[in-house]
PDB file of N, CA and C in Angstrom:
ATOM      1  N   MET A   1    -178.658-115.698-100.722  1.00  0.00           N
ATOM      2  CA  MET A   1    -178.622-114.493 -99.956  1.00  0.00           C
ATOM      3  C   MET A   1    -178.090-114.812 -98.567  1.00  0.00           C
ATOM      4  N   ALA A   2    -177.477-113.864 -97.952  1.00  0.00           N
ATOM      5  CA  ALA A   2    -176.928-114.040 -96.608  1.00  0.00           C
ATOM      6  C   ALA A   2    -177.075-112.732 -95.846  1.00  0.00           C
ATOM      7  N   GLU A   3    -177.252-112.858 -94.552  1.00  0.00           N
ATOM      8  CA  GLU A   3    -177.428-111.687 -93.697  1.00  0.00           C
ATOM      9  C   GLU A   3    -176.681-111.948 -92.399  1.00  0.00           C
ATOM     10  N   TYR A   4    -175.958-110.951 -91.928  1.00  0.00           N
ATOM     11  CA  TYR A   4    -175.174-111.105 -90.717  1.00  0.00           C
ATOM     12  C   TYR A   4    -175.308-109.849 -89.864  1.00  0.00           C
ATOM     13  N   ASP A   5    -175.520-110.031 -88.581  1.00  0.00           N
ATOM     14  CA  ASP A   5    -175.420-108.924 -87.639  1.00  0.00           C
ATOM     15  C   ASP A   5    -174.543-109.386 -86.478  1.00  0.00           C
ATOM     16  N   ALA A   6    -174.478-108.659 -85.412  1.00  0.00           N
ATOM     17  CA  ALA A   6    -173.546-108.970 -84.327  1.00  0.00           C
ATOM     18  C   ALA A   6    -173.825-110.310 -83.648  1.00  0.00           C
ATOM     19  N   ARG A   7    -175.074-110.805 -83.715  1.00  0.00           N
ATOM     20  CA  ARG A   7    -175.414-112.038 -83.001  1.00  0.00           C
ATOM     21  C   ARG A   7    -175.780-113.216 -83.880  1.00  0.00           C
ATOM     22  N   THR A   8    -176.340-112.981 -85.038  1.00  0.00           N
ATOM     23  CA  THR A   8    -176.868-114.088 -85.840  1.00  0.00           C
ATOM     24  C   THR A   8    -176.402-114.000 -87.289  1.00  0.00           C
ATOM     25  N   MET A   9    -176.541-115.146 -87.970  1.00  0.00           N
ATOM     26  CA  MET A   9    -176.283-115.208 -89.401  1.00  0.00           C
ATOM     27  C   MET A   9    -177.419-115.994 -90.037  1.00  0.00           C
ATOM     28  N   ASN A  10    -178.046-115.424 -91.066  1.00  0.00           N
ATOM     29  CA  ASN A  10    -179.133-116.067 -91.786  1.00  0.00           C
ATOM     30  C   ASN A  10    -178.685-116.345 -93.216  1.00  0.00           C
ATOM     31  N   VAL A  11    -179.072-117.508 -93.744  1.00  0.00           N
ATOM     32  CA  VAL A  11    -178.701-117.908 -95.096  1.00  0.00           C
ATOM     33  C   VAL A  11    -179.963-118.387 -95.799  1.00  0.00           C
ATOM     34  N   GLY A  12    -180.138-117.974 -97.062  1.00  0.00           N
ATOM     35  CA  GLY A  12    -181.321-118.377 -97.787  1.00  0.00           C
ATOM     36  C   GLY A  12    -181.092-118.439 -99.278  1.00  0.00           C
ATOM     37  N   ALA A  13    -182.089-118.960 -99.998  1.00  0.00           N
ATOM     38  CA  ALA A  13    -182.016-119.066-101.453  1.00  0.00           C
ATOM     39  C   ALA A  13    -183.425-119.006-102.028  1.00  0.00           C
ATOM     40  N   GLU A  14    -183.490-118.573-103.277  1.00  0.00           N
ATOM     41  CA  GLU A  14    -184.761-118.518-104.000  1.00  0.00           C
ATOM     42  C   GLU A  14    -184.537-119.091-105.386  1.00  0.00           C
ATOM     43  N   TYR A  15    -185.496-119.888-105.851  1.00  0.00           N
ATOM     44  CA  TYR A  15    -185.389-120.485-107.177  1.00  0.00           C
ATOM     45  C   TYR A  15    -186.691-120.241-107.923  1.00  0.00           C
ATOM     46  N   SER A  16    -186.592-119.721-109.149  1.00  0.00           N
ATOM     47  CA  SER A  16    -187.766-119.449-109.983  1.00  0.00           C
ATOM     48  C   SER A  16    -187.881-120.504-111.075  1.00  0.00           C
ATOM     49  N   PHE A  17    -189.085-120.988-111.298  1.00  0.00           N
ATOM     50  CA  PHE A  17    -189.324-121.917-112.395  1.00  0.00           C
ATOM     51  C   PHE A  17    -190.743-121.741-112.880  1.00  0.00           C
ATOM     52  N   GLY A  18    -191.057-122.339-113.993  1.00  0.00           N
ATOM     53  CA  GLY A  18    -192.391-122.183-114.577  1.00  0.00           C
ATOM     54  C   GLY A  18    -192.584-120.803-115.152  1.00  0.00           C
ATOM     55  N   LYS A  19    -191.601-120.294-115.891  1.00  0.00           N
ATOM     56  CA  LYS A  19    -191.636-118.958-116.503  1.00  0.00           C
ATOM     57  C   LYS A  19    -191.908-117.873-115.469  1.00  0.00           C
ATOM     58  N   ASP A  20    -191.260-117.993-114.318  1.00  0.00           N
ATOM     59  CA  ASP A  20    -191.344-117.018-113.222  1.00  0.00           C
ATOM     60  C   ASP A  20    -192.740-116.944-112.601  1.00  0.00           C
ATOM     61  N   TYR A  21    -193.539-117.990-112.734  1.00  0.00           N
ATOM     62  CA  TYR A  21    -194.845-118.035-112.076  1.00  0.00           C
ATOM     63  C   TYR A  21    -194.764-118.689-110.702  1.00  0.00           C
ATOM     64  N   ILE A  22    -193.770-119.540-110.509  1.00  0.00           N
ATOM     65  CA  ILE A  22    -193.631-120.259-109.248  1.00  0.00           C
ATOM     66  C   ILE A  22    -192.220-120.033-108.711  1.00  0.00           C
ATOM     67  N   ASN A  23    -192.131-119.625-107.455  1.00  0.00           N
ATOM     68  CA  ASN A  23    -190.840-119.425-106.805  1.00  0.00           C
ATOM     69  C   ASN A  23    -190.793-120.269-105.541  1.00  0.00           C
ATOM     70  N   ALA A  24    -189.666-120.927-105.324  1.00  0.00           N
ATOM     71  CA  ALA A  24    -189.433-121.671-104.089  1.00  0.00           C
ATOM     72  C   ALA A  24    -188.422-120.882-103.263  1.00  0.00           C
ATOM     73  N   VAL A  25    -188.721-120.698-101.988  1.00  0.00           N
ATOM     74  CA  VAL A  25    -187.876-119.902-101.106  1.00  0.00           C
ATOM     75  C   VAL A  25    -187.521-120.749 -99.885  1.00  0.00           C
ATOM     76  N   ILE A  26    -186.215-120.799 -99.542  1.00  0.00           N
ATOM     77  CA  ILE A  26    -185.779-121.473 -98.316  1.00  0.00           C
ATOM     78  C   ILE A  26    -184.866-120.531 -97.544  1.00  0.00           C
ATOM     79  N   GLU A  27    -184.872-120.675 -96.238  1.00  0.00           N
ATOM     80  CA  GLU A  27    -184.024-119.845 -95.395  1.00  0.00           C
ATOM     81  C   GLU A  27    -183.682-120.613 -94.129  1.00  0.00           C
ATOM     82  N   PHE A  28    -182.470-120.422 -93.656  1.00  0.00           N
ATOM     83  CA  PHE A  28    -182.039-120.991 -92.394  1.00  0.00           C
ATOM     84  C   PHE A  28    -181.746-119.841 -91.441  1.00  0.00           C
ATOM     85  N   ASN A  29    -182.617-119.667 -90.441  1.00  0.00           N
ATOM     86  CA  ASN A  29    -182.426-118.633 -89.436  1.00  0.00           C
ATOM     87  C   ASN A  29    -181.410-119.119 -88.416  1.00  0.00           C
ATOM     88  N   ARG A  30    -180.439-118.298 -88.125  1.00  0.00           N
ATOM     89  CA  ARG A  30    -179.328-118.635 -87.230  1.00  0.00           C
ATOM     90  C   ARG A  30    -178.602-119.887 -87.707  1.00  0.00           C
ATOM     91  N   CYS A  31    -178.680-120.167 -88.992  1.00  0.00           N
ATOM     92  CA  CYS A  31    -178.072-121.347 -89.631  1.00  0.00           C
ATOM     93  C   CYS A  31    -178.551-122.652 -89.003  1.00  0.00           C
ATOM     94  N   ARG A  32    -179.699-122.650 -88.343  1.00  0.00           N
ATOM     95  CA  ARG A  32    -180.250-123.858 -87.720  1.00  0.00           C
ATOM     96  C   ARG A  32    -181.702-124.111 -88.075  1.00  0.00           C
ATOM     97  N   TYR A  33    -182.528-123.093 -87.992  1.00  0.00           N
ATOM     98  CA  TYR A  33    -183.971-123.254 -88.096  1.00  0.00           C
ATOM     99  C   TYR A  33    -184.435-123.022 -89.527  1.00  0.00           C
ATOM    100  N   PHE A  34    -185.091-124.032 -90.087  1.00  0.00           N
ATOM    101  CA  PHE A  34    -185.534-124.001 -91.481  1.00  0.00           C
ATOM    102  C   PHE A  34    -186.840-123.232 -91.616  1.00  0.00           C
ATOM    103  N   SER A  35    -186.915-122.435 -92.651  1.00  0.00           N
ATOM    104  CA  SER A  35    -188.134-121.734 -93.020  1.00  0.00           C
ATOM    105  C   SER A  35    -188.213-121.766 -94.536  1.00  0.00           C
ATOM    106  N   GLY A  36    -189.385-122.038 -95.097  1.00  0.00           N
ATOM    107  CA  GLY A  36    -189.482-122.124 -96.546  1.00  0.00           C
ATOM    108  C   GLY A  36    -190.908-122.047 -97.030  1.00  0.00           C
ATOM    109  N   GLY A  37    -191.054-121.915 -98.331  1.00  0.00           N
ATOM    110  CA  GLY A  37    -192.388-121.859 -98.897  1.00  0.00           C
ATOM    111  C   GLY A  37    -192.367-121.734-100.405  1.00  0.00           C
ATOM    112  N   LEU A  38    -193.560-121.764-100.969  1.00  0.00           N
ATOM    113  CA  LEU A  38    -193.756-121.579-102.404  1.00  0.00           C
ATOM    114  C   LEU A  38    -194.546-120.296-102.627  1.00  0.00           C
ATOM    115  N   VAL A  39    -194.185-119.591-103.679  1.00  0.00           N
ATOM    116  CA  VAL A  39    -194.884-118.353-104.047  1.00  0.00           C
ATOM    117  C   VAL A  39    -195.438-118.546-105.449  1.00  0.00           C
ATOM    118  N   PHE A  40    -196.741-118.340-105.637  1.00  0.00           N
ATOM    119  CA  PHE A  40    -197.382-118.403-106.936  1.00  0.00           C
ATOM    120  C   PHE A  40    -197.730-116.973-107.361  1.00  0.00           C
ATOM    121  N   LYS A  41    -197.243-116.582-108.537  1.00  0.00           N
ATOM    122  CA  LYS A  41    -197.474-115.230-109.025  1.00  0.00           C
ATOM    123  C   LYS A  41    -198.599-115.254-110.061  1.00  0.00           C
ATOM    124  N   ILE A  42    -199.451-114.243-109.990  1.00  0.00           N
ATOM    125  CA  ILE A  42    -200.513-114.059-110.978  1.00  0.00           C
ATOM    126  C   ILE A  42    -200.217-112.748-111.689  1.00  0.00           C
ATOM    127  N   HIS A  43    -199.944-112.829-112.981  1.00  0.00           N
ATOM    128  CA  HIS A  43    -199.637-111.638-113.770  1.00  0.00           C
ATOM    129  C   HIS A  43    -200.934-111.057-114.326  1.00  0.00           C
ATOM    130  N   LEU A  44    -201.235-109.838-113.950  1.00  0.00           N
ATOM    131  CA  LEU A  44    -202.428-109.155-114.444  1.00  0.00           C
ATOM    132  C   LEU A  44    -202.068-108.306-115.661  1.00  0.00           C
ATOM    133  N   LYS A  45    -202.954-108.242-116.604  1.00  0.00           N
ATOM    134  CA  LYS A  45    -202.694-107.426-117.800  1.00  0.00           C
ATOM    135  C   LYS A  45    -203.424-106.129-117.734  1.00  0.00           C
TER     136      LYS A  45
END
């Protein structure tokens, strides 16, 4: 994913694994500052 406005550009990616239960997310704000994390999904029936 990418986002651009008049002053900044942000670039990021998301990867799903474990049958879509675990997602890894990374992002570079202003193409310099790293931000990231893991998302654990709980599917309710």
